[in-house]
N, C-alpha and C. Protein backbone atom coordinates (compact mmCIF):
# COMPACT_ATOMS: atom_id res chain seq x y z
N MET A 1 0.83 -1.17 0.00
CA MET A 1 0.00 0.00 0.00
C MET A 1 0.89 1.24 0.00
N PHE A 2 0.45 2.28 -0.69
CA PHE A 2 1.24 3.50 -0.74
C PHE A 2 0.34 4.72 -0.62
N CYS A 3 0.97 5.85 -0.37
CA CYS A 3 0.23 7.09 -0.15
C CYS A 3 0.87 8.23 -0.93
N CYS A 4 0.04 9.16 -1.31
CA CYS A 4 0.45 10.48 -1.79
C CYS A 4 1.40 10.44 -2.99
N PRO A 5 1.04 9.75 -4.08
CA PRO A 5 1.94 9.70 -5.24
C PRO A 5 2.07 11.06 -5.93
N LEU A 6 3.29 11.34 -6.39
CA LEU A 6 3.59 12.58 -7.11
C LEU A 6 4.45 12.26 -8.32
N TRP A 7 4.09 12.82 -9.48
CA TRP A 7 4.94 12.66 -10.66
C TRP A 7 6.00 13.74 -10.66
N GLY A 8 7.25 13.34 -10.81
CA GLY A 8 8.35 14.29 -10.92
C GLY A 8 8.68 14.54 -12.38
N SER A 9 9.24 15.71 -12.68
CA SER A 9 9.64 16.02 -14.05
C SER A 9 10.81 15.15 -14.49
N ASP A 10 11.43 14.41 -13.56
CA ASP A 10 12.52 13.50 -13.89
C ASP A 10 12.01 12.14 -14.37
N GLY A 11 10.68 12.00 -14.51
CA GLY A 11 10.11 10.76 -15.01
C GLY A 11 9.88 9.71 -13.93
N ASN A 12 9.98 10.09 -12.68
CA ASN A 12 9.75 9.16 -11.57
C ASN A 12 8.45 9.48 -10.85
N LEU A 13 7.84 8.44 -10.30
CA LEU A 13 6.70 8.57 -9.41
C LEU A 13 7.23 8.46 -8.00
N TYR A 14 6.98 9.46 -7.16
CA TYR A 14 7.42 9.48 -5.77
C TYR A 14 6.22 9.14 -4.89
N PHE A 15 6.44 8.35 -3.85
CA PHE A 15 5.34 7.97 -2.96
C PHE A 15 5.89 7.53 -1.61
N THR A 16 5.00 7.49 -0.63
CA THR A 16 5.33 6.98 0.70
C THR A 16 4.78 5.57 0.81
N SER A 17 5.60 4.65 1.24
CA SER A 17 5.19 3.26 1.43
C SER A 17 4.59 3.11 2.83
N ALA A 18 3.40 2.54 2.90
CA ALA A 18 2.76 2.31 4.20
C ALA A 18 3.45 1.19 4.97
N GLY A 19 4.17 0.33 4.28
CA GLY A 19 4.82 -0.80 4.94
C GLY A 19 5.92 -0.38 5.90
N ASP A 20 6.84 0.45 5.42
CA ASP A 20 7.93 0.89 6.30
C ASP A 20 8.00 2.40 6.43
N VAL A 21 7.00 3.09 5.92
CA VAL A 21 6.84 4.53 6.04
C VAL A 21 8.10 5.28 5.59
N SER A 22 8.59 4.93 4.41
CA SER A 22 9.73 5.59 3.79
C SER A 22 9.29 6.19 2.46
N ILE A 23 10.11 7.07 1.92
CA ILE A 23 9.82 7.70 0.63
C ILE A 23 10.57 6.96 -0.46
N TYR A 24 9.84 6.59 -1.52
CA TYR A 24 10.39 5.83 -2.63
C TYR A 24 10.13 6.54 -3.94
N ARG A 25 10.83 6.09 -4.98
CA ARG A 25 10.55 6.51 -6.35
C ARG A 25 10.59 5.28 -7.23
N ILE A 26 9.84 5.37 -8.32
CA ILE A 26 9.82 4.29 -9.31
C ILE A 26 9.72 4.95 -10.68
N PRO A 27 10.48 4.46 -11.67
CA PRO A 27 10.42 5.07 -13.01
C PRO A 27 9.03 4.93 -13.63
N ALA A 28 8.64 5.91 -14.43
CA ALA A 28 7.34 5.88 -15.09
C ALA A 28 7.16 4.64 -15.95
N GLU A 29 8.27 4.11 -16.50
CA GLU A 29 8.20 2.92 -17.35
C GLU A 29 8.00 1.65 -16.54
N GLY A 30 8.08 1.77 -15.22
CA GLY A 30 7.98 0.60 -14.35
C GLY A 30 9.35 0.17 -13.88
N GLY A 31 9.38 -0.83 -13.06
CA GLY A 31 10.64 -1.33 -12.51
C GLY A 31 10.57 -1.40 -11.00
N ALA A 32 11.71 -1.61 -10.41
CA ALA A 32 11.78 -1.77 -8.95
C ALA A 32 11.71 -0.41 -8.26
N LYS A 33 11.07 -0.40 -7.10
CA LYS A 33 11.06 0.84 -6.32
C LYS A 33 12.43 1.04 -5.69
N GLU A 34 12.81 2.31 -5.53
CA GLU A 34 14.09 2.68 -4.93
C GLU A 34 13.82 3.64 -3.78
N ARG A 35 14.36 3.33 -2.61
CA ARG A 35 14.22 4.25 -1.48
C ARG A 35 15.02 5.51 -1.78
N VAL A 36 14.41 6.66 -1.60
CA VAL A 36 15.07 7.93 -1.90
C VAL A 36 16.24 8.16 -0.95
N PHE A 37 16.08 7.81 0.32
CA PHE A 37 17.16 7.91 1.30
C PHE A 37 16.80 7.04 2.49
N GLU A 38 17.80 6.70 3.26
CA GLU A 38 17.61 5.84 4.44
C GLU A 38 17.16 6.67 5.64
N ARG A 39 16.29 6.08 6.42
CA ARG A 39 15.91 6.70 7.69
C ARG A 39 16.96 6.36 8.73
N SER A 40 17.22 7.30 9.64
CA SER A 40 18.13 6.98 10.74
C SER A 40 17.33 6.27 11.83
N GLU A 41 18.04 5.59 12.71
CA GLU A 41 17.39 4.77 13.73
C GLU A 41 16.51 5.58 14.68
N ASP A 42 16.83 6.85 14.88
CA ASP A 42 16.05 7.67 15.82
C ASP A 42 14.85 8.35 15.18
N GLU A 43 14.62 8.12 13.90
CA GLU A 43 13.50 8.75 13.20
C GLU A 43 12.29 7.84 13.16
N GLY A 44 11.12 8.46 13.27
CA GLY A 44 9.89 7.75 12.99
C GLY A 44 9.71 7.68 11.48
N GLY A 45 8.50 7.51 11.04
CA GLY A 45 8.24 7.41 9.61
C GLY A 45 8.41 8.74 8.89
N HIS A 46 8.53 8.65 7.57
CA HIS A 46 8.59 9.82 6.70
C HIS A 46 7.24 9.96 6.01
N PHE A 47 6.63 11.12 6.11
CA PHE A 47 5.28 11.33 5.62
C PHE A 47 5.18 12.59 4.78
N TRP A 48 4.10 12.69 3.98
CA TRP A 48 3.69 13.90 3.29
C TRP A 48 4.79 14.50 2.43
N PHE A 49 5.44 13.68 1.63
CA PHE A 49 6.47 14.17 0.73
C PHE A 49 5.85 15.07 -0.33
N THR A 50 6.49 16.20 -0.59
CA THR A 50 6.05 17.15 -1.61
C THR A 50 7.25 17.61 -2.42
N LEU A 51 7.13 17.56 -3.74
CA LEU A 51 8.18 18.09 -4.60
C LEU A 51 8.12 19.61 -4.60
N LEU A 52 9.28 20.25 -4.58
CA LEU A 52 9.35 21.70 -4.69
C LEU A 52 9.36 22.11 -6.16
N PRO A 53 9.09 23.38 -6.47
CA PRO A 53 8.99 23.80 -7.87
C PRO A 53 10.20 23.46 -8.73
N ASP A 54 11.39 23.38 -8.16
CA ASP A 54 12.57 23.03 -8.96
C ASP A 54 12.58 21.56 -9.38
N GLN A 55 11.70 20.74 -8.79
CA GLN A 55 11.58 19.31 -9.09
C GLN A 55 12.85 18.52 -8.78
N ARG A 56 13.83 19.12 -8.14
CA ARG A 56 15.07 18.44 -7.76
C ARG A 56 15.18 18.30 -6.25
N SER A 57 14.20 18.82 -5.55
CA SER A 57 14.20 18.74 -4.10
C SER A 57 12.77 18.64 -3.62
N GLY A 58 12.62 18.28 -2.35
CA GLY A 58 11.30 18.14 -1.78
C GLY A 58 11.32 18.37 -0.28
N THR A 59 10.15 18.38 0.31
CA THR A 59 10.02 18.48 1.75
C THR A 59 9.22 17.29 2.26
N PHE A 60 9.41 16.97 3.53
CA PHE A 60 8.67 15.85 4.12
C PHE A 60 8.64 16.01 5.63
N GLN A 61 7.69 15.34 6.26
CA GLN A 61 7.57 15.33 7.71
C GLN A 61 8.21 14.06 8.25
N ILE A 62 8.91 14.20 9.36
CA ILE A 62 9.50 13.05 10.05
C ILE A 62 8.73 12.87 11.35
N GLY A 63 8.16 11.68 11.53
CA GLY A 63 7.47 11.38 12.77
C GLY A 63 8.48 11.14 13.88
N GLY A 64 8.08 11.33 15.09
CA GLY A 64 8.97 11.12 16.22
C GLY A 64 8.73 12.18 17.27
N THR A 65 9.59 12.22 18.24
CA THR A 65 9.47 13.20 19.31
C THR A 65 10.73 14.04 19.36
N PRO A 66 10.68 15.27 18.95
CA PRO A 66 9.52 15.94 18.36
C PRO A 66 9.44 15.65 16.86
N PRO A 67 8.25 15.79 16.27
CA PRO A 67 8.17 15.67 14.81
C PRO A 67 8.87 16.88 14.19
N ARG A 68 9.26 16.76 12.94
CA ARG A 68 9.93 17.88 12.29
C ARG A 68 9.72 17.82 10.78
N ILE A 69 10.08 18.89 10.11
CA ILE A 69 10.00 18.97 8.66
C ILE A 69 11.40 19.24 8.13
N GLU A 70 11.78 18.50 7.08
CA GLU A 70 13.09 18.69 6.45
C GLU A 70 12.91 18.80 4.94
N ALA A 71 13.90 19.41 4.31
CA ALA A 71 14.00 19.43 2.85
C ALA A 71 15.08 18.43 2.45
N ILE A 72 14.95 17.88 1.24
CA ILE A 72 15.97 16.95 0.74
C ILE A 72 16.29 17.28 -0.70
N ASP A 73 17.57 17.27 -1.04
CA ASP A 73 18.04 17.39 -2.41
C ASP A 73 18.00 15.99 -3.00
N LEU A 74 17.21 15.77 -4.04
CA LEU A 74 17.03 14.43 -4.59
C LEU A 74 18.26 13.90 -5.32
N ASP A 75 19.16 14.78 -5.75
CA ASP A 75 20.38 14.33 -6.41
C ASP A 75 21.44 13.89 -5.41
N SER A 76 21.66 14.72 -4.40
CA SER A 76 22.74 14.43 -3.44
C SER A 76 22.27 13.68 -2.20
N GLY A 77 20.97 13.76 -1.89
CA GLY A 77 20.46 13.17 -0.65
C GLY A 77 20.68 14.06 0.56
N GLU A 78 21.26 15.25 0.35
CA GLU A 78 21.52 16.16 1.47
C GLU A 78 20.19 16.66 2.05
N ARG A 79 20.09 16.58 3.37
CA ARG A 79 18.89 16.98 4.07
C ARG A 79 19.13 18.26 4.86
N THR A 80 18.10 19.14 4.88
CA THR A 80 18.18 20.40 5.59
C THR A 80 16.99 20.52 6.54
N PRO A 81 17.22 20.60 7.85
CA PRO A 81 16.12 20.79 8.80
C PRO A 81 15.43 22.14 8.56
N LEU A 82 14.09 22.14 8.59
CA LEU A 82 13.33 23.38 8.41
C LEU A 82 12.60 23.79 9.68
N THR A 83 11.94 22.84 10.35
CA THR A 83 11.19 23.15 11.57
C THR A 83 11.22 21.94 12.50
N THR A 84 10.88 22.20 13.76
CA THR A 84 10.62 21.11 14.70
C THR A 84 9.25 21.33 15.30
N GLY A 85 8.68 20.29 15.86
CA GLY A 85 7.35 20.38 16.45
C GLY A 85 7.35 20.90 17.87
N GLU A 86 8.45 21.45 18.31
CA GLU A 86 8.52 21.96 19.68
C GLU A 86 7.90 23.33 19.79
C-alpha cells in the first residue's frame, strides 16, 4: 500500500510506502522501487512528501518526538532541517 503519489519532471513517481513509512521513487516505465534515502534509527516514519517547484528537491515530515520537517536534495540526498514540532 502506498500514499500520496507525485509525478516528478525526472520521469519518476514518488510515494510513501505504508509498509515501512519511507519515501520511494519508481520510473514511469515501471521497474523496482528505490528508497530515496535511508531513515536513521532515531527517526519515525517519513510522511507527506512534496516536490518543490525546482523538481530536484522536496520536503517531508518526520514522525517522532519531536516531529519535524526537512527538505531533501534528490540528487545528493543532502537533508536540511526546516522546523521542529517543539
